[in-house]
Structure formats: C-alpha cells, structure tokens
N, C-alpha and C. Protein backbone atom coordinates (compact mmCIF):
# COMPACT_ATOMS: atom_id res chain seq x y z
N MET A 1 33.06 3.56 9.23
CA MET A 1 31.78 4.12 8.83
C MET A 1 31.01 4.52 10.10
N VAL A 2 30.47 5.72 10.09
CA VAL A 2 29.66 6.20 11.21
C VAL A 2 28.19 6.03 10.84
N LEU A 3 27.46 5.30 11.68
CA LEU A 3 26.04 5.10 11.42
C LEU A 3 25.22 6.13 12.19
N PRO A 4 24.11 6.58 11.61
CA PRO A 4 23.25 7.52 12.35
C PRO A 4 22.63 6.86 13.57
N ASP A 5 22.33 7.67 14.55
CA ASP A 5 21.68 7.14 15.75
C ASP A 5 20.30 6.59 15.42
N ARG A 6 19.92 5.59 16.18
CA ARG A 6 18.60 5.00 16.02
C ARG A 6 18.03 4.77 17.41
N ARG A 7 16.74 4.98 17.56
CA ARG A 7 16.11 4.73 18.84
C ARG A 7 14.67 4.30 18.63
N THR A 8 14.13 3.62 19.62
CA THR A 8 12.77 3.14 19.59
C THR A 8 11.99 3.84 20.69
N ILE A 9 10.83 4.35 20.34
CA ILE A 9 9.97 5.03 21.31
C ILE A 9 8.80 4.10 21.62
N ARG A 10 8.56 3.85 22.90
CA ARG A 10 7.48 2.96 23.31
C ARG A 10 6.43 3.65 24.18
N LYS A 11 6.70 4.89 24.58
CA LYS A 11 5.73 5.65 25.36
C LYS A 11 5.41 6.92 24.59
N TYR A 12 4.14 7.22 24.50
CA TYR A 12 3.70 8.32 23.65
C TYR A 12 2.94 9.36 24.44
N SER A 13 3.00 10.58 23.95
CA SER A 13 2.18 11.66 24.47
C SER A 13 0.75 11.41 23.97
N SER A 14 -0.22 11.84 24.73
CA SER A 14 -1.61 11.70 24.27
C SER A 14 -2.00 12.86 23.34
N GLU A 15 -1.08 13.77 23.12
CA GLU A 15 -1.34 14.92 22.24
C GLU A 15 -1.58 14.44 20.81
N PRO A 16 -2.65 14.90 20.18
CA PRO A 16 -2.95 14.46 18.81
C PRO A 16 -1.84 14.88 17.84
N VAL A 17 -1.66 14.10 16.79
CA VAL A 17 -0.69 14.42 15.75
C VAL A 17 -1.40 15.28 14.71
N ASP A 18 -0.82 16.43 14.43
CA ASP A 18 -1.38 17.38 13.47
C ASP A 18 -1.49 16.74 12.08
N ASP A 19 -2.61 16.93 11.41
CA ASP A 19 -2.83 16.35 10.08
C ASP A 19 -1.75 16.75 9.08
N LYS A 20 -1.34 18.01 9.09
CA LYS A 20 -0.32 18.47 8.15
C LYS A 20 1.00 17.76 8.41
N LEU A 21 1.40 17.63 9.68
CA LEU A 21 2.64 16.93 10.01
C LEU A 21 2.56 15.48 9.56
N LEU A 22 1.46 14.81 9.85
CA LEU A 22 1.30 13.41 9.46
C LEU A 22 1.37 13.27 7.94
N ASN A 23 0.68 14.13 7.21
CA ASN A 23 0.71 14.07 5.75
C ASN A 23 2.11 14.33 5.21
N ASP A 24 2.83 15.30 5.80
CA ASP A 24 4.21 15.58 5.37
C ASP A 24 5.11 14.37 5.59
N LEU A 25 4.98 13.73 6.77
CA LEU A 25 5.80 12.55 7.07
C LEU A 25 5.48 11.40 6.12
N LEU A 26 4.20 11.19 5.85
CA LEU A 26 3.81 10.12 4.92
C LEU A 26 4.31 10.41 3.51
N MET A 27 4.23 11.66 3.09
CA MET A 27 4.71 12.04 1.75
C MET A 27 6.21 11.76 1.63
N MET A 28 6.97 12.13 2.64
CA MET A 28 8.42 11.89 2.61
C MET A 28 8.71 10.38 2.65
N GLY A 29 8.00 9.66 3.50
CA GLY A 29 8.21 8.22 3.60
C GLY A 29 7.87 7.49 2.32
N CYS A 30 6.82 7.92 1.66
CA CYS A 30 6.41 7.27 0.42
C CYS A 30 7.39 7.53 -0.72
N ARG A 31 8.19 8.56 -0.58
CA ARG A 31 9.18 8.87 -1.61
C ARG A 31 10.49 8.12 -1.40
N ALA A 32 10.62 7.42 -0.26
CA ALA A 32 11.83 6.65 0.00
C ALA A 32 11.90 5.48 -0.97
N SER A 33 13.12 5.12 -1.35
CA SER A 33 13.27 4.03 -2.31
C SER A 33 12.96 2.68 -1.67
N THR A 34 12.49 1.76 -2.49
CA THR A 34 12.22 0.40 -2.05
C THR A 34 12.90 -0.54 -3.05
N THR A 35 12.99 -1.80 -2.72
CA THR A 35 13.62 -2.77 -3.61
C THR A 35 12.94 -2.74 -4.98
N GLY A 36 13.71 -2.52 -5.98
CA GLY A 36 13.15 -2.50 -7.34
C GLY A 36 12.22 -1.33 -7.58
N ASN A 37 12.20 -0.35 -6.68
CA ASN A 37 11.33 0.81 -6.78
C ASN A 37 9.87 0.39 -6.93
N MET A 38 9.46 -0.66 -6.20
CA MET A 38 8.13 -1.23 -6.38
C MET A 38 7.05 -0.55 -5.52
N GLN A 39 7.39 -0.04 -4.35
CA GLN A 39 6.41 0.59 -3.46
C GLN A 39 5.11 -0.20 -3.39
N VAL A 40 5.22 -1.47 -3.05
CA VAL A 40 4.04 -2.35 -3.04
C VAL A 40 3.46 -2.46 -1.62
N TYR A 41 2.97 -1.36 -1.12
CA TYR A 41 2.36 -1.37 0.21
C TYR A 41 1.28 -0.30 0.28
N SER A 42 0.41 -0.48 1.25
CA SER A 42 -0.61 0.51 1.56
C SER A 42 -0.42 0.89 3.02
N ILE A 43 -0.84 2.07 3.39
CA ILE A 43 -0.73 2.54 4.76
C ILE A 43 -2.13 2.86 5.28
N ILE A 44 -2.48 2.25 6.41
CA ILE A 44 -3.78 2.52 7.05
C ILE A 44 -3.50 3.41 8.26
N ILE A 45 -4.15 4.56 8.31
CA ILE A 45 -4.00 5.51 9.42
C ILE A 45 -5.18 5.31 10.36
N THR A 46 -4.89 5.06 11.63
CA THR A 46 -5.96 4.80 12.60
C THR A 46 -5.81 5.73 13.80
N ARG A 47 -6.86 6.48 14.09
CA ARG A 47 -6.90 7.36 15.27
C ARG A 47 -7.98 6.91 16.26
N ASP A 48 -8.99 6.23 15.78
CA ASP A 48 -10.13 5.81 16.58
C ASP A 48 -9.70 4.76 17.62
N GLU A 49 -10.02 5.00 18.90
CA GLU A 49 -9.60 4.11 19.98
C GLU A 49 -10.11 2.68 19.81
N GLU A 50 -11.37 2.52 19.42
CA GLU A 50 -11.93 1.18 19.24
C GLU A 50 -11.24 0.45 18.10
N LYS A 51 -11.00 1.15 17.02
CA LYS A 51 -10.33 0.54 15.86
C LYS A 51 -8.90 0.13 16.21
N LYS A 52 -8.20 0.95 17.03
CA LYS A 52 -6.84 0.60 17.45
C LYS A 52 -6.87 -0.68 18.27
N ARG A 53 -7.86 -0.85 19.14
CA ARG A 53 -7.98 -2.08 19.92
C ARG A 53 -8.23 -3.28 18.99
N GLU A 54 -9.04 -3.07 17.96
CA GLU A 54 -9.31 -4.15 17.00
C GLU A 54 -8.06 -4.52 16.21
N LEU A 55 -7.22 -3.52 15.93
CA LEU A 55 -6.00 -3.77 15.17
C LEU A 55 -4.88 -4.37 16.02
N ALA A 56 -4.96 -4.27 17.32
CA ALA A 56 -3.88 -4.70 18.21
C ALA A 56 -3.37 -6.12 17.91
N PRO A 57 -4.24 -7.11 17.69
CA PRO A 57 -3.72 -8.45 17.38
C PRO A 57 -2.82 -8.48 16.14
N SER A 58 -3.11 -7.65 15.16
CA SER A 58 -2.28 -7.58 13.95
C SER A 58 -0.93 -6.95 14.23
N HIS A 59 -0.82 -6.28 15.36
CA HIS A 59 0.44 -5.65 15.80
C HIS A 59 1.01 -6.42 16.99
N PHE A 60 0.72 -7.71 17.06
CA PHE A 60 1.23 -8.59 18.11
C PHE A 60 0.83 -8.13 19.51
N ASN A 61 -0.34 -7.49 19.61
CA ASN A 61 -0.89 -7.01 20.88
C ASN A 61 0.07 -6.13 21.67
N GLN A 62 0.88 -5.38 20.96
CA GLN A 62 1.81 -4.48 21.64
C GLN A 62 1.02 -3.33 22.26
N LYS A 63 1.30 -3.06 23.52
CA LYS A 63 0.57 -2.05 24.30
C LYS A 63 0.62 -0.67 23.62
N MET A 64 1.73 -0.38 22.97
CA MET A 64 1.90 0.95 22.37
C MET A 64 0.85 1.23 21.29
N ILE A 65 0.28 0.19 20.69
CA ILE A 65 -0.71 0.39 19.63
C ILE A 65 -1.95 1.10 20.17
N THR A 66 -2.38 0.73 21.35
CA THR A 66 -3.57 1.37 21.92
C THR A 66 -3.24 2.67 22.63
N GLU A 67 -1.95 2.92 22.92
CA GLU A 67 -1.56 4.14 23.63
C GLU A 67 -1.21 5.29 22.69
N ALA A 68 -0.73 4.99 21.51
CA ALA A 68 -0.31 6.03 20.57
C ALA A 68 -1.53 6.81 20.06
N PRO A 69 -1.37 8.12 19.84
CA PRO A 69 -2.50 8.92 19.35
C PRO A 69 -2.89 8.58 17.91
N VAL A 70 -1.94 8.07 17.14
CA VAL A 70 -2.22 7.65 15.77
C VAL A 70 -1.35 6.41 15.48
N VAL A 71 -1.94 5.45 14.77
CA VAL A 71 -1.24 4.21 14.42
C VAL A 71 -1.18 4.11 12.90
N LEU A 72 0.01 3.82 12.38
CA LEU A 72 0.17 3.59 10.95
C LEU A 72 0.41 2.10 10.75
N THR A 73 -0.46 1.46 9.99
CA THR A 73 -0.32 0.04 9.69
C THR A 73 0.11 -0.08 8.23
N PHE A 74 1.27 -0.69 8.02
CA PHE A 74 1.80 -0.87 6.67
C PHE A 74 1.42 -2.26 6.19
N CYS A 75 0.71 -2.32 5.07
CA CYS A 75 0.28 -3.59 4.50
C CYS A 75 1.04 -3.85 3.21
N ALA A 76 1.75 -4.95 3.18
CA ALA A 76 2.56 -5.27 1.99
C ALA A 76 1.92 -6.42 1.23
C-alpha cells in the first residue's frame, strides 16, 4: 500500500489568508467523514494578534500559534 505524503509546517508567511480560500478549505474539511458521521466540533477562526496570544496556552504555547496569520481552533 502506498500512503500519501504528509508534512508538518511550522514556519508561516505573514501574508494574510484570503477569506474565500479559508472558507473553501473549511467547507471541504467540514464535509470530511467523522466517526459515526457525528461532526461534533466547532471551529474558531482567529486572526487578531492579541486573541492568538490569549489562545496560545490552549495550543500548548506553541510558537506557531502567534506566528501564523490565521489560527483554527477545533473544539470537540
């Protein structure tokens, strides 16, 4: 079996993420199947620098949270 490539990005461009692109990605992601087709989560989109700093502890204080132009927090 050949598995698709996977990679992790930890450094981000400061270029803002276009609203249409973000909405398209979220729409596709929300259509992905989940266990029992339950989709029991909410997504919080954060662009504000101060709010990202406040959210950092919930993301284990990972540096990338404050560096990324947009942060998606999945709440289950």
